[in-house]
Amino acid sequence: MKIMAVGVAIGAGFGAATSLVNALSSPYTHIGAPITGTLWGGTAKVLSLLMDAGWAWAALAVAVGWLVGTPVRGALTGALALFAATWTYYVTDAAVADAETDMVTWWVAGLPLGLLLGAVGSAVRRPGVVGLLAALTVPVGAAAQMVVMPPRPHLVMTPGIILAEVIVWTAAVSGAVWAVRRFRVARRTAAAD
């Protein structure tokens, strides 16, 4: 139960951090305007492009599902982490960016997705094809989002956008290589026994 609470706290922290980074990256908020055009503003923009992506929120649910380890607890923790992340995101948004809320819509979407992704996260530890497919979920999801909807909020490619895309592609490829390598090592070890 304690580990589930940690997963929910991680979700809450992620949601608040994502909202705060978004506000810092915007020249239209009272906390973002003073750092616009500085190194800090550019850094916030890159972090915003990384953290406010669908694959990052999916990775949150998968990670907390992996953390708790069992399918039922992983599923519940994944959903609760997305609920907590959504709540803290919108509460922080209201405080730092005077933003409107669409929390209920994202809670409705987060419930089935959180349950599914949390269960997937708990399966990452499993050996064999199930563990491989679970471990590939986030890297493949990130790559798919990069193809279908890359983080390009502007028509012009900026250094920050290029850096964010390089980071995502590097992480996606690295995660896929790790998953496949782990699977192959486990198969060789099992065959040797």
Protein backbone atom coordinates (compact mmCIF):
# COMPACT_ATOMS: atom_id res chain seq x y z
CA MET A 1 0.00 0.00 0.00
CA LYS A 2 2.86 2.35 0.84
CA ILE A 3 4.45 1.84 -2.59
CA MET A 4 1.12 2.71 -4.23
CA ALA A 5 1.09 5.98 -2.27
CA VAL A 6 4.59 6.68 -3.58
CA GLY A 7 3.30 6.12 -7.13
CA VAL A 8 0.46 8.57 -6.55
CA ALA A 9 2.89 11.12 -5.08
CA ILE A 10 5.12 10.71 -8.15
CA GLY A 11 2.08 11.39 -10.33
CA ALA A 12 1.17 14.49 -8.35
CA GLY A 13 4.73 15.78 -8.59
CA PHE A 14 4.84 15.11 -12.32
CA GLY A 15 1.59 16.98 -12.97
CA ALA A 16 2.63 20.02 -10.94
CA ALA A 17 6.11 20.07 -12.50
CA THR A 18 4.67 19.82 -16.02
CA SER A 19 2.32 22.75 -15.44
CA LEU A 20 5.05 24.83 -13.85
CA VAL A 21 7.48 24.15 -16.70
CA ASN A 22 4.77 25.04 -19.23
CA ALA A 23 4.15 28.35 -17.46
CA LEU A 24 7.87 29.09 -17.26
CA SER A 25 8.28 28.39 -20.98
CA SER A 26 5.52 30.81 -21.99
CA PRO A 27 6.18 34.50 -22.58
CA TYR A 28 2.49 35.10 -21.80
CA THR A 29 2.54 34.11 -18.12
CA HIS A 30 3.68 36.27 -15.24
CA ILE A 31 6.41 33.78 -14.31
CA GLY A 32 7.52 33.02 -17.87
CA ALA A 33 7.73 36.55 -19.24
CA PRO A 34 10.80 37.59 -17.19
CA ILE A 35 12.90 34.66 -18.42
CA THR A 36 11.81 34.75 -22.07
CA GLY A 37 14.85 34.75 -24.34
CA THR A 38 17.23 33.58 -21.59
CA LEU A 39 18.95 30.22 -21.11
CA TRP A 40 16.38 29.43 -18.41
CA GLY A 41 13.51 30.23 -20.75
CA GLY A 42 14.99 28.01 -23.47
CA THR A 43 15.54 25.19 -20.99
CA ALA A 44 11.95 25.50 -19.78
CA LYS A 45 10.75 25.32 -23.40
CA VAL A 46 12.64 22.08 -24.06
CA LEU A 47 11.38 20.57 -20.79
CA SER A 48 7.84 21.66 -21.66
CA LEU A 49 8.05 19.94 -25.04
CA LEU A 50 9.26 16.75 -23.33
CA MET A 51 6.98 16.66 -20.28
CA ASP A 52 3.73 17.83 -21.86
CA ALA A 53 3.72 15.03 -24.45
CA GLY A 54 1.28 12.13 -24.41
CA TRP A 55 4.08 9.56 -24.33
CA ALA A 56 5.52 11.19 -21.17
CA TRP A 57 2.19 10.89 -19.37
CA ALA A 58 1.90 7.29 -20.56
CA ALA A 59 5.43 6.67 -19.30
CA LEU A 60 4.33 7.96 -15.89
CA ALA A 61 1.60 5.31 -15.64
CA VAL A 62 3.93 2.57 -16.92
CA ALA A 63 6.69 3.59 -14.49
CA VAL A 64 4.46 3.53 -11.41
CA GLY A 65 2.98 0.21 -12.58
CA TRP A 66 6.51 -1.16 -12.80
CA LEU A 67 7.26 0.28 -9.37
CA VAL A 68 4.43 -1.59 -7.61
CA GLY A 69 5.02 -4.80 -9.55
CA THR A 70 1.71 -6.71 -9.56
CA PRO A 71 -0.89 -6.36 -12.35
CA VAL A 72 -3.84 -5.28 -10.18
CA ARG A 73 -1.85 -2.91 -7.99
CA GLY A 74 0.03 -1.66 -11.08
CA ALA A 75 -3.23 -0.92 -12.86
CA LEU A 76 -4.71 0.88 -9.85
CA THR A 77 -1.55 2.86 -9.21
CA GLY A 78 -1.27 3.81 -12.89
CA ALA A 79 -4.81 5.19 -12.88
CA LEU A 80 -4.37 6.95 -9.52
CA ALA A 81 -1.05 8.47 -10.63
CA LEU A 82 -2.70 9.90 -13.76
CA PHE A 83 -5.60 11.21 -11.64
CA ALA A 84 -3.16 12.88 -9.23
CA ALA A 85 -1.04 14.24 -12.09
CA THR A 86 -4.10 15.70 -13.81
CA TRP A 87 -5.38 17.28 -10.61
CA THR A 88 -2.06 18.89 -9.67
CA TYR A 89 -1.50 19.98 -13.28
CA TYR A 90 -4.75 21.93 -13.39
CA VAL A 91 -4.46 23.29 -9.85
CA THR A 92 -0.94 24.53 -10.63
CA ASP A 93 -2.11 25.87 -14.00
CA ALA A 94 -4.80 27.92 -12.28
CA ALA A 95 -2.23 29.33 -9.85
CA VAL A 96 0.65 30.15 -12.22
CA ALA A 97 -1.00 30.68 -15.59
CA ASP A 98 -4.62 31.64 -14.85
CA ALA A 99 -5.61 28.75 -17.11
CA GLU A 100 -9.02 27.18 -17.57
CA THR A 101 -9.58 23.60 -16.52
CA ASP A 102 -10.47 20.55 -18.56
CA MET A 103 -9.73 18.21 -15.69
CA VAL A 104 -12.83 16.02 -15.89
CA THR A 105 -12.24 15.18 -19.55
CA TRP A 106 -8.68 14.10 -18.80
CA TRP A 107 -9.77 12.15 -15.74
CA VAL A 108 -12.26 10.24 -17.89
CA ALA A 109 -9.50 9.47 -20.41
CA GLY A 110 -6.96 8.76 -17.70
CA LEU A 111 -8.97 6.05 -15.97
CA PRO A 112 -8.91 3.37 -18.68
CA LEU A 113 -5.50 4.45 -19.97
CA GLY A 114 -4.02 4.52 -16.48
CA LEU A 115 -5.41 1.07 -15.70
CA LEU A 116 -4.04 -0.36 -18.93
CA LEU A 117 -0.65 1.36 -18.80
CA GLY A 118 -0.15 0.61 -15.10
CA ALA A 119 -0.81 -3.08 -15.78
CA VAL A 120 1.62 -2.94 -18.71
CA GLY A 121 4.22 -1.41 -16.40
CA SER A 122 3.83 -4.26 -13.94
CA ALA A 123 4.46 -6.71 -16.79
CA VAL A 124 7.84 -5.18 -17.69
CA ARG A 125 9.47 -7.39 -15.04
CA ARG A 126 8.08 -10.56 -16.58
CA PRO A 127 10.40 -12.72 -18.64
CA GLY A 128 9.68 -13.67 -22.22
CA VAL A 129 7.65 -11.99 -24.92
CA VAL A 130 5.17 -10.43 -22.47
CA GLY A 131 7.96 -8.60 -20.67
CA LEU A 132 9.52 -7.56 -23.98
CA LEU A 133 6.26 -6.13 -25.33
CA ALA A 134 5.59 -4.33 -22.04
CA ALA A 135 9.10 -2.86 -22.04
CA LEU A 136 8.66 -1.67 -25.63
CA THR A 137 5.39 0.16 -24.92
CA VAL A 138 6.87 3.53 -24.00
CA PRO A 139 9.70 3.60 -26.57
CA VAL A 140 7.35 2.57 -29.39
CA GLY A 141 4.69 5.02 -28.17
CA ALA A 142 7.21 7.86 -28.05
CA ALA A 143 8.45 7.04 -31.55
CA ALA A 144 4.90 6.81 -32.88
CA GLN A 145 4.02 10.19 -31.38
CA MET A 146 7.18 11.68 -32.89
CA VAL A 147 6.06 10.51 -36.33
CA VAL A 148 2.37 11.40 -36.02
CA MET A 149 2.54 14.49 -33.81
CA PRO A 150 6.10 15.74 -33.16
CA PRO A 151 6.66 18.52 -30.61
CA ARG A 152 6.53 21.40 -33.06
CA PRO A 153 4.37 24.18 -31.64
CA HIS A 154 5.78 26.65 -34.18
CA LEU A 155 6.04 26.59 -37.97
CA VAL A 156 9.75 27.34 -37.70
CA MET A 157 12.11 24.75 -36.25
CA THR A 158 13.94 26.27 -33.30
CA PRO A 159 17.04 24.87 -31.57
CA GLY A 160 14.83 23.94 -28.59
CA ILE A 161 12.44 21.94 -30.77
CA ILE A 162 15.34 20.16 -32.47
CA LEU A 163 16.92 19.36 -29.09
CA ALA A 164 13.61 18.02 -27.72
CA GLU A 165 13.15 15.79 -30.78
CA VAL A 166 16.72 14.48 -30.53
CA ILE A 167 16.21 13.68 -26.84
CA VAL A 168 12.95 11.82 -27.50
CA TRP A 169 14.35 9.82 -30.43
CA THR A 170 17.51 8.97 -28.48
CA ALA A 171 15.51 7.86 -25.44
CA ALA A 172 13.07 5.85 -27.59
CA VAL A 173 15.84 4.02 -29.43
CA SER A 174 17.81 3.46 -26.21
CA GLY A 175 14.73 2.09 -24.45
CA ALA A 176 13.94 -0.27 -27.33
CA VAL A 177 17.56 -1.49 -27.50
CA TRP A 178 17.55 -2.09 -23.74
CA ALA A 179 14.28 -4.05 -23.92
CA VAL A 180 15.42 -6.24 -26.81
CA ARG A 181 18.85 -6.82 -25.29
CA ARG A 182 17.33 -7.81 -21.94
CA PHE A 183 14.98 -10.22 -23.71
CA ARG A 184 17.80 -11.83 -25.70
CA VAL A 185 20.06 -12.20 -22.66
CA ALA A 186 17.22 -13.83 -20.71
CA ARG A 187 16.54 -16.25 -23.59
CA ARG A 188 20.23 -17.20 -23.84
CA THR A 189 20.42 -17.70 -20.08
CA ALA A 190 17.29 -19.87 -20.10
CA ALA A 191 18.60 -21.92 -23.04
CA ALA A 192 21.93 -22.46 -21.27
CA ASP A 193 20.22 -23.81 -18.15
